[in-house]
N, C-alpha and C. Protein backbone atom coordinates (compact mmCIF):
# COMPACT_ATOMS: atom_id res chain seq x y z
N MET A 1 9.23 -12.20 -6.78
CA MET A 1 8.02 -12.58 -7.47
C MET A 1 7.20 -13.52 -6.60
N ARG A 2 7.87 -14.40 -5.87
CA ARG A 2 7.17 -15.34 -5.01
C ARG A 2 6.37 -14.59 -3.94
N ASN A 3 6.98 -13.54 -3.37
CA ASN A 3 6.29 -12.76 -2.35
C ASN A 3 5.10 -12.02 -2.94
N PHE A 4 5.23 -11.53 -4.17
CA PHE A 4 4.12 -10.84 -4.81
C PHE A 4 2.95 -11.80 -5.01
N LYS A 5 3.24 -13.03 -5.40
CA LYS A 5 2.18 -14.02 -5.59
C LYS A 5 1.50 -14.31 -4.26
N LYS A 6 2.29 -14.39 -3.18
CA LYS A 6 1.71 -14.61 -1.85
C LYS A 6 0.80 -13.45 -1.47
N LEU A 7 1.23 -12.23 -1.80
CA LEU A 7 0.41 -11.06 -1.51
C LEU A 7 -0.92 -11.13 -2.26
N ILE A 8 -0.87 -11.52 -3.52
CA ILE A 8 -2.09 -11.64 -4.31
C ILE A 8 -3.02 -12.68 -3.68
N VAL A 9 -2.47 -13.83 -3.29
CA VAL A 9 -3.27 -14.88 -2.67
C VAL A 9 -3.87 -14.38 -1.36
N ALA A 10 -3.05 -13.73 -0.54
CA ALA A 10 -3.54 -13.23 0.75
C ALA A 10 -4.64 -12.19 0.55
N ALA A 11 -4.45 -11.28 -0.40
CA ALA A 11 -5.45 -10.26 -0.67
C ALA A 11 -6.75 -10.89 -1.18
N THR A 12 -6.62 -11.90 -2.02
CA THR A 12 -7.80 -12.59 -2.54
C THR A 12 -8.57 -13.27 -1.42
N ILE A 13 -7.85 -13.93 -0.53
CA ILE A 13 -8.50 -14.61 0.59
C ILE A 13 -9.22 -13.61 1.49
N VAL A 14 -8.54 -12.50 1.79
CA VAL A 14 -9.17 -11.48 2.63
C VAL A 14 -10.44 -10.97 1.97
N GLY A 15 -10.37 -10.71 0.68
CA GLY A 15 -11.55 -10.22 -0.04
C GLY A 15 -12.68 -11.22 -0.06
N MET A 16 -12.34 -12.51 -0.28
CA MET A 16 -13.38 -13.53 -0.36
C MET A 16 -14.03 -13.78 0.99
N LEU A 17 -13.26 -13.67 2.03
CA LEU A 17 -13.82 -13.88 3.36
C LEU A 17 -14.64 -12.69 3.83
N GLY A 18 -14.41 -11.56 3.20
CA GLY A 18 -15.14 -10.37 3.60
C GLY A 18 -14.76 -9.88 4.98
N VAL A 19 -13.54 -10.22 5.42
CA VAL A 19 -13.09 -9.82 6.75
C VAL A 19 -13.07 -8.31 6.85
N VAL A 20 -12.60 -7.67 5.80
CA VAL A 20 -12.58 -6.22 5.76
C VAL A 20 -13.35 -5.81 4.52
N GLY A 21 -14.43 -5.09 4.70
CA GLY A 21 -15.34 -4.77 3.61
C GLY A 21 -14.68 -4.13 2.40
N VAL A 22 -13.76 -3.22 2.61
CA VAL A 22 -13.13 -2.52 1.50
C VAL A 22 -12.24 -3.45 0.70
N ALA A 23 -11.69 -4.46 1.33
CA ALA A 23 -10.76 -5.35 0.62
C ALA A 23 -11.43 -6.00 -0.58
N GLY A 24 -12.70 -6.30 -0.48
CA GLY A 24 -13.41 -6.92 -1.60
C GLY A 24 -13.36 -6.05 -2.83
N ALA A 25 -13.55 -4.74 -2.66
CA ALA A 25 -13.50 -3.83 -3.79
C ALA A 25 -12.10 -3.75 -4.38
N ALA A 26 -11.11 -3.69 -3.52
CA ALA A 26 -9.73 -3.60 -4.00
C ALA A 26 -9.34 -4.85 -4.76
N VAL A 27 -9.70 -6.01 -4.24
CA VAL A 27 -9.35 -7.27 -4.89
C VAL A 27 -10.14 -7.44 -6.18
N ALA A 28 -11.40 -7.01 -6.18
CA ALA A 28 -12.24 -7.17 -7.36
C ALA A 28 -11.67 -6.38 -8.54
N THR A 29 -11.04 -5.25 -8.28
CA THR A 29 -10.47 -4.45 -9.36
C THR A 29 -9.02 -4.81 -9.62
N GLY A 30 -8.47 -5.75 -8.86
CA GLY A 30 -7.08 -6.14 -9.01
C GLY A 30 -6.13 -5.12 -8.41
N ALA A 31 -6.66 -4.22 -7.58
CA ALA A 31 -5.86 -3.14 -7.02
C ALA A 31 -5.11 -3.64 -5.79
N THR A 32 -3.83 -3.94 -5.99
CA THR A 32 -3.01 -4.39 -4.87
C THR A 32 -1.83 -3.46 -4.64
N THR A 33 -1.79 -2.36 -5.36
CA THR A 33 -0.76 -1.35 -5.21
C THR A 33 -1.45 0.00 -5.08
N PRO A 34 -0.76 0.99 -4.53
CA PRO A 34 -1.37 2.33 -4.49
C PRO A 34 -1.79 2.82 -5.88
N ALA A 35 -0.98 2.57 -6.89
CA ALA A 35 -1.34 3.00 -8.24
C ALA A 35 -2.60 2.30 -8.72
N GLY A 36 -2.71 1.01 -8.43
CA GLY A 36 -3.91 0.26 -8.83
C GLY A 36 -5.15 0.73 -8.10
N ILE A 37 -4.99 1.03 -6.82
CA ILE A 37 -6.12 1.51 -6.03
C ILE A 37 -6.60 2.85 -6.59
N VAL A 38 -5.67 3.79 -6.80
CA VAL A 38 -6.04 5.10 -7.33
C VAL A 38 -6.67 4.96 -8.71
N ALA A 39 -6.10 4.11 -9.54
CA ALA A 39 -6.66 3.92 -10.88
C ALA A 39 -8.10 3.41 -10.80
N GLY A 40 -8.32 2.42 -9.92
CA GLY A 40 -9.67 1.88 -9.77
C GLY A 40 -10.67 2.90 -9.26
N LEU A 41 -10.22 3.78 -8.39
CA LEU A 41 -11.11 4.78 -7.81
C LEU A 41 -11.39 5.95 -8.75
N THR A 42 -10.40 6.30 -9.56
CA THR A 42 -10.52 7.50 -10.40
C THR A 42 -10.94 7.22 -11.83
N GLY A 43 -10.87 5.96 -12.25
CA GLY A 43 -11.18 5.63 -13.63
C GLY A 43 -10.01 5.82 -14.57
N LYS A 44 -8.86 6.20 -14.03
CA LYS A 44 -7.66 6.36 -14.84
C LYS A 44 -7.00 5.00 -15.02
N THR A 45 -6.08 4.92 -15.95
CA THR A 45 -5.31 3.68 -16.11
C THR A 45 -4.16 3.70 -15.10
N VAL A 46 -3.65 2.51 -14.80
CA VAL A 46 -2.48 2.42 -13.92
C VAL A 46 -1.30 3.15 -14.54
N ASP A 47 -1.15 3.06 -15.85
CA ASP A 47 -0.07 3.76 -16.53
C ASP A 47 -0.18 5.28 -16.35
N ASP A 48 -1.41 5.81 -16.45
CA ASP A 48 -1.61 7.25 -16.27
C ASP A 48 -1.27 7.67 -14.84
N VAL A 49 -1.74 6.88 -13.88
CA VAL A 49 -1.46 7.18 -12.47
C VAL A 49 0.03 7.09 -12.19
N THR A 50 0.68 6.07 -12.73
CA THR A 50 2.11 5.90 -12.53
C THR A 50 2.89 7.07 -13.14
N ALA A 51 2.45 7.55 -14.28
CA ALA A 51 3.11 8.69 -14.92
C ALA A 51 2.95 9.95 -14.06
N GLU A 52 1.76 10.14 -13.49
CA GLU A 52 1.55 11.30 -12.62
C GLU A 52 2.43 11.20 -11.39
N ARG A 53 2.54 10.00 -10.84
CA ARG A 53 3.38 9.79 -9.65
C ARG A 53 4.85 10.06 -9.99
N ALA A 54 5.29 9.59 -11.14
CA ALA A 54 6.68 9.81 -11.56
C ALA A 54 6.97 11.30 -11.76
N ALA A 55 5.93 12.06 -12.10
CA ALA A 55 6.08 13.51 -12.29
C ALA A 55 6.04 14.26 -10.96
N GLY A 56 5.82 13.54 -9.85
CA GLY A 56 5.89 14.17 -8.54
C GLY A 56 4.57 14.31 -7.80
N THR A 57 3.47 13.95 -8.42
CA THR A 57 2.18 14.03 -7.74
C THR A 57 1.99 12.78 -6.89
N THR A 58 1.61 12.94 -5.63
CA THR A 58 1.42 11.78 -4.77
C THR A 58 0.14 11.06 -5.15
N TYR A 59 0.07 9.78 -4.78
CA TYR A 59 -1.15 9.01 -5.02
C TYR A 59 -2.32 9.65 -4.28
N GLY A 60 -2.05 10.13 -3.07
CA GLY A 60 -3.10 10.79 -2.29
C GLY A 60 -3.64 12.03 -2.98
N LYS A 61 -2.75 12.81 -3.58
CA LYS A 61 -3.18 14.03 -4.29
C LYS A 61 -3.99 13.68 -5.52
N ILE A 62 -3.59 12.63 -6.22
CA ILE A 62 -4.36 12.19 -7.39
C ILE A 62 -5.77 11.79 -6.96
N ALA A 63 -5.84 11.03 -5.87
CA ALA A 63 -7.14 10.61 -5.34
C ALA A 63 -7.94 11.82 -4.84
N GLN A 64 -7.27 12.74 -4.14
CA GLN A 64 -7.94 13.93 -3.62
C GLN A 64 -8.53 14.76 -4.76
N ASP A 65 -7.77 14.93 -5.83
CA ASP A 65 -8.25 15.71 -6.98
C ASP A 65 -9.50 15.09 -7.60
N ALA A 66 -9.65 13.79 -7.44
CA ALA A 66 -10.83 13.09 -7.98
C ALA A 66 -11.94 12.98 -6.93
N GLY A 67 -11.71 13.54 -5.74
CA GLY A 67 -12.71 13.46 -4.68
C GLY A 67 -12.79 12.08 -4.03
N LYS A 68 -11.68 11.35 -4.09
CA LYS A 68 -11.66 9.96 -3.60
C LYS A 68 -10.59 9.72 -2.54
N LEU A 69 -10.14 10.75 -1.84
CA LEU A 69 -9.06 10.58 -0.88
C LEU A 69 -9.44 9.63 0.25
N ASP A 70 -10.63 9.77 0.82
CA ASP A 70 -11.02 8.89 1.92
C ASP A 70 -11.08 7.43 1.48
N GLU A 71 -11.62 7.18 0.29
CA GLU A 71 -11.68 5.82 -0.22
C GLU A 71 -10.28 5.27 -0.47
N PHE A 72 -9.40 6.13 -1.00
CA PHE A 72 -8.02 5.71 -1.23
C PHE A 72 -7.34 5.33 0.08
N LYS A 73 -7.50 6.16 1.09
CA LYS A 73 -6.87 5.88 2.37
C LYS A 73 -7.39 4.56 2.95
N ALA A 74 -8.68 4.32 2.85
CA ALA A 74 -9.25 3.09 3.40
C ALA A 74 -8.73 1.85 2.66
N GLU A 75 -8.74 1.90 1.34
CA GLU A 75 -8.27 0.75 0.57
C GLU A 75 -6.76 0.55 0.72
N ASN A 76 -6.03 1.64 0.79
CA ASN A 76 -4.59 1.56 0.97
C ASN A 76 -4.25 0.94 2.32
N LEU A 77 -5.00 1.30 3.36
CA LEU A 77 -4.78 0.74 4.69
C LEU A 77 -5.01 -0.77 4.67
N VAL A 78 -6.03 -1.22 3.97
CA VAL A 78 -6.29 -2.66 3.85
C VAL A 78 -5.09 -3.35 3.22
N GLN A 79 -4.54 -2.78 2.15
CA GLN A 79 -3.41 -3.41 1.47
C GLN A 79 -2.16 -3.41 2.35
N LYS A 80 -1.95 -2.33 3.10
CA LYS A 80 -0.80 -2.29 4.01
C LYS A 80 -0.93 -3.37 5.08
N LYS A 81 -2.14 -3.56 5.58
CA LYS A 81 -2.37 -4.59 6.60
C LYS A 81 -2.09 -5.98 6.03
N VAL A 82 -2.49 -6.22 4.80
CA VAL A 82 -2.21 -7.50 4.15
C VAL A 82 -0.70 -7.73 4.08
N ILE A 83 0.04 -6.70 3.68
CA ILE A 83 1.50 -6.81 3.57
C ILE A 83 2.12 -7.06 4.94
N LEU A 84 1.69 -6.30 5.93
CA LEU A 84 2.23 -6.48 7.28
C LEU A 84 1.93 -7.88 7.82
N ASP A 85 0.70 -8.35 7.62
CA ASP A 85 0.34 -9.70 8.07
C ASP A 85 1.21 -10.75 7.38
N GLN A 86 1.48 -10.54 6.10
CA GLN A 86 2.34 -11.46 5.36
C GLN A 86 3.74 -11.46 5.95
N ARG A 87 4.25 -10.30 6.26
CA ARG A 87 5.61 -10.20 6.83
C ARG A 87 5.69 -10.87 8.20
N VAL A 88 4.63 -10.77 8.99
CA VAL A 88 4.60 -11.46 10.28
C VAL A 88 4.62 -12.96 10.05
N THR A 89 3.82 -13.43 9.12
CA THR A 89 3.77 -14.87 8.79
C THR A 89 5.13 -15.36 8.32
N GLU A 90 5.82 -14.56 7.51
CA GLU A 90 7.14 -14.93 6.99
C GLU A 90 8.23 -14.82 8.05
N GLY A 91 7.94 -14.12 9.14
CA GLY A 91 8.93 -13.95 10.19
C GLY A 91 9.87 -12.77 10.00
N THR A 92 9.60 -11.89 9.02
CA THR A 92 10.46 -10.73 8.81
C THR A 92 10.05 -9.55 9.68
N LEU A 93 8.88 -9.63 10.29
CA LEU A 93 8.40 -8.64 11.26
C LEU A 93 7.79 -9.39 12.43
N THR A 94 7.89 -8.81 13.60
CA THR A 94 7.15 -9.38 14.73
C THR A 94 5.75 -8.80 14.70
N GLN A 95 4.83 -9.43 15.40
CA GLN A 95 3.47 -8.90 15.47
C GLN A 95 3.47 -7.52 16.10
N ALA A 96 4.32 -7.33 17.11
CA ALA A 96 4.40 -6.01 17.76
C ALA A 96 4.87 -4.93 16.78
N GLN A 97 5.85 -5.25 15.94
CA GLN A 97 6.33 -4.29 14.94
C GLN A 97 5.24 -3.98 13.93
N ALA A 98 4.53 -5.01 13.50
CA ALA A 98 3.45 -4.81 12.53
C ALA A 98 2.34 -3.96 13.14
N ASP A 99 1.99 -4.25 14.40
CA ASP A 99 0.95 -3.47 15.08
C ASP A 99 1.37 -2.01 15.23
N GLU A 100 2.64 -1.79 15.59
CA GLU A 100 3.15 -0.42 15.74
C GLU A 100 3.08 0.33 14.42
N THR A 101 3.48 -0.32 13.34
CA THR A 101 3.45 0.32 12.03
C THR A 101 2.02 0.61 11.60
N LEU A 102 1.12 -0.36 11.78
CA LEU A 102 -0.28 -0.17 11.39
C LEU A 102 -0.92 0.95 12.21
N ASN A 103 -0.62 1.00 13.51
CA ASN A 103 -1.17 2.07 14.35
C ASN A 103 -0.65 3.43 13.89
N ALA A 104 0.63 3.50 13.54
CA ALA A 104 1.21 4.76 13.06
C ALA A 104 0.55 5.19 11.74
N ILE A 105 0.34 4.25 10.85
CA ILE A 105 -0.31 4.56 9.57
C ILE A 105 -1.72 5.07 9.82
N THR A 106 -2.46 4.38 10.69
CA THR A 106 -3.83 4.78 11.00
C THR A 106 -3.88 6.18 11.59
N GLU A 107 -2.97 6.46 12.54
CA GLU A 107 -2.90 7.81 13.14
C GLU A 107 -2.56 8.87 12.10
N ASN A 108 -1.59 8.57 11.24
CA ASN A 108 -1.20 9.53 10.21
C ASN A 108 -2.30 9.77 9.20
N GLN A 109 -3.07 8.73 8.90
CA GLN A 109 -4.14 8.89 7.92
C GLN A 109 -5.23 9.82 8.42
N ALA A 110 -5.36 9.95 9.74
CA ALA A 110 -6.39 10.82 10.30
C ALA A 110 -6.17 12.28 9.88
N THR A 111 -4.93 12.66 9.65
CA THR A 111 -4.64 14.04 9.25
C THR A 111 -4.07 14.12 7.83
N CYS A 112 -4.09 13.03 7.11
CA CYS A 112 -3.53 13.00 5.76
C CYS A 112 -4.33 13.92 4.83
N ASP A 113 -3.60 14.79 4.13
CA ASP A 113 -4.24 15.69 3.17
C ASP A 113 -3.92 15.34 1.72
N GLY A 114 -3.21 14.22 1.54
CA GLY A 114 -2.91 13.77 0.18
C GLY A 114 -1.59 14.28 -0.38
N THR A 115 -0.89 15.15 0.36
CA THR A 115 0.33 15.74 -0.17
C THR A 115 1.56 14.87 0.07
N GLY A 116 1.47 13.88 0.95
CA GLY A 116 2.60 13.02 1.24
C GLY A 116 3.52 13.57 2.31
N SER A 117 3.13 14.67 2.93
CA SER A 117 4.00 15.30 3.92
C SER A 117 4.14 14.49 5.20
N ALA A 118 3.20 13.59 5.48
CA ALA A 118 3.26 12.80 6.71
C ALA A 118 4.23 11.63 6.60
N LYS A 119 4.60 11.26 5.37
CA LYS A 119 5.53 10.14 5.14
C LYS A 119 5.02 8.87 5.82
N ILE A 120 3.75 8.57 5.61
CA ILE A 120 3.10 7.43 6.26
C ILE A 120 3.88 6.15 5.99
N GLY A 121 4.18 5.42 7.04
CA GLY A 121 4.82 4.13 6.94
C GLY A 121 6.33 4.18 6.86
N GLN A 122 6.93 5.36 6.74
CA GLN A 122 8.38 5.41 6.60
C GLN A 122 9.10 5.20 7.92
N MET A 123 8.41 5.47 9.05
CA MET A 123 9.08 5.14 10.31
C MET A 123 9.19 3.63 10.38
N ASN A 124 10.15 3.13 11.01
CA ASN A 124 10.38 1.69 11.12
C ASN A 124 10.78 1.07 9.79
N GLY A 125 11.13 1.88 8.80
CA GLY A 125 11.59 1.34 7.53
C GLY A 125 10.49 0.71 6.69
N ALA A 126 9.23 1.03 6.97
CA ALA A 126 8.12 0.43 6.24
C ALA A 126 7.71 1.30 5.08
N GLY A 127 8.56 1.43 4.09
CA GLY A 127 8.28 2.29 2.95
C GLY A 127 7.27 1.71 1.99
N PHE A 128 6.93 0.46 2.09
CA PHE A 128 5.95 -0.21 1.24
C PHE A 128 6.21 0.04 -0.24
N GLY A 129 7.49 0.06 -0.63
CA GLY A 129 7.80 0.16 -2.05
C GLY A 129 7.70 1.54 -2.63
N GLN A 130 7.60 2.57 -1.82
CA GLN A 130 7.44 3.91 -2.34
C GLN A 130 8.69 4.45 -3.02
N GLY A 131 9.79 3.73 -2.93
CA GLY A 131 11.03 4.20 -3.55
C GLY A 131 11.09 3.94 -5.04
N MET A 132 10.01 3.55 -5.65
CA MET A 132 9.95 3.29 -7.08
C MET A 132 11.04 2.30 -7.49
N GLY A 133 11.33 1.33 -6.61
CA GLY A 133 12.27 0.28 -6.94
C GLY A 133 13.68 0.52 -6.47
N ALA A 134 13.97 1.69 -5.94
CA ALA A 134 15.32 2.00 -5.50
C ALA A 134 15.48 1.71 -4.02
N GLY A 135 14.63 0.86 -3.48
CA GLY A 135 14.53 0.60 -2.06
C GLY A 135 15.86 0.48 -1.34
N GLN A 136 15.97 1.22 -0.24
CA GLN A 136 17.18 1.16 0.54
C GLN A 136 17.09 0.06 1.57
N HIS A 137 15.99 -0.64 1.65
CA HIS A 137 15.79 -1.66 2.67
C HIS A 137 15.76 -3.07 2.09
N ASN A 138 16.35 -3.27 0.95
CA ASN A 138 16.29 -4.58 0.31
C ASN A 138 17.22 -5.60 0.94
N GLY A 139 18.15 -5.15 1.77
CA GLY A 139 19.15 -6.06 2.31
C GLY A 139 18.69 -6.93 3.44
N GLY A 140 17.94 -6.43 4.34
CA GLY A 140 17.52 -7.22 5.48
C GLY A 140 16.91 -6.36 6.53
N GLY A 141 16.60 -6.97 7.63
CA GLY A 141 15.99 -6.24 8.73
C GLY A 141 14.53 -5.97 8.47
N MET A 142 13.96 -5.14 9.32
CA MET A 142 12.53 -4.92 9.25
C MET A 142 12.09 -4.32 7.93
N GLY A 143 12.89 -3.47 7.32
CA GLY A 143 12.49 -2.84 6.07
C GLY A 143 12.52 -3.78 4.88
N ARG A 144 13.20 -4.91 5.01
CA ARG A 144 13.31 -5.85 3.89
C ARG A 144 11.93 -6.31 3.47
N GLY A 145 11.69 -6.22 2.20
CA GLY A 145 10.47 -6.78 1.66
C GLY A 145 9.26 -5.88 1.74
N MET A 146 9.37 -4.72 2.36
CA MET A 146 8.20 -3.86 2.37
C MET A 146 7.92 -3.37 0.96
N ASN A 147 8.95 -3.36 0.12
CA ASN A 147 8.74 -3.11 -1.29
C ASN A 147 8.18 -4.40 -1.86
N THR A 148 6.96 -4.35 -2.38
CA THR A 148 6.27 -5.56 -2.80
C THR A 148 6.87 -6.20 -4.04
N GLY A 149 7.86 -5.56 -4.65
CA GLY A 149 8.50 -6.15 -5.81
C GLY A 149 7.91 -5.68 -7.11
N ASN A 150 6.71 -5.14 -7.09
CA ASN A 150 6.08 -4.67 -8.30
C ASN A 150 6.32 -3.18 -8.41
N THR A 151 7.56 -2.81 -8.62
CA THR A 151 7.95 -1.41 -8.51
C THR A 151 7.45 -0.53 -9.63
N LEU A 152 7.07 -1.09 -10.75
CA LEU A 152 6.61 -0.26 -11.85
C LEU A 152 5.24 0.32 -11.60
N THR A 153 4.45 -0.31 -10.73
CA THR A 153 3.10 0.19 -10.48
C THR A 153 2.93 0.71 -9.08
N GLN A 154 4.00 0.88 -8.35
CA GLN A 154 3.91 1.36 -6.97
C GLN A 154 3.67 2.83 -6.93
């Protein structure tokens, strides 16, 4: 819970500073998870998006079906960067590891079609909580903490 609060604070600061233009929109809607981002972009509730995800539809596909895939990818990248920056600050990732993961995500997003086939962020154990709370990286190492702790809305 403490890490989630830090994430909220970090996201709020990024949005208020306007360092990354899209972050302001994500923070303004309270979207700090993929489900929240998709909900904000599509007009659906987080519960509806979470139910679709639990049924097997990826967040990218939900966004794509609403014509919002590019916006989803941009806002999601901002949130991943916030998480990576937080992990570097906490010392659970090196800056080089964070840069490598962010570069891989950016490269994968260039060909992302919303189906989840690229497994963005899964290399280096950076699942970003996509395990719906069953995270295999909760013990330690680089994968520790990539699950933001808010598993019900991931």
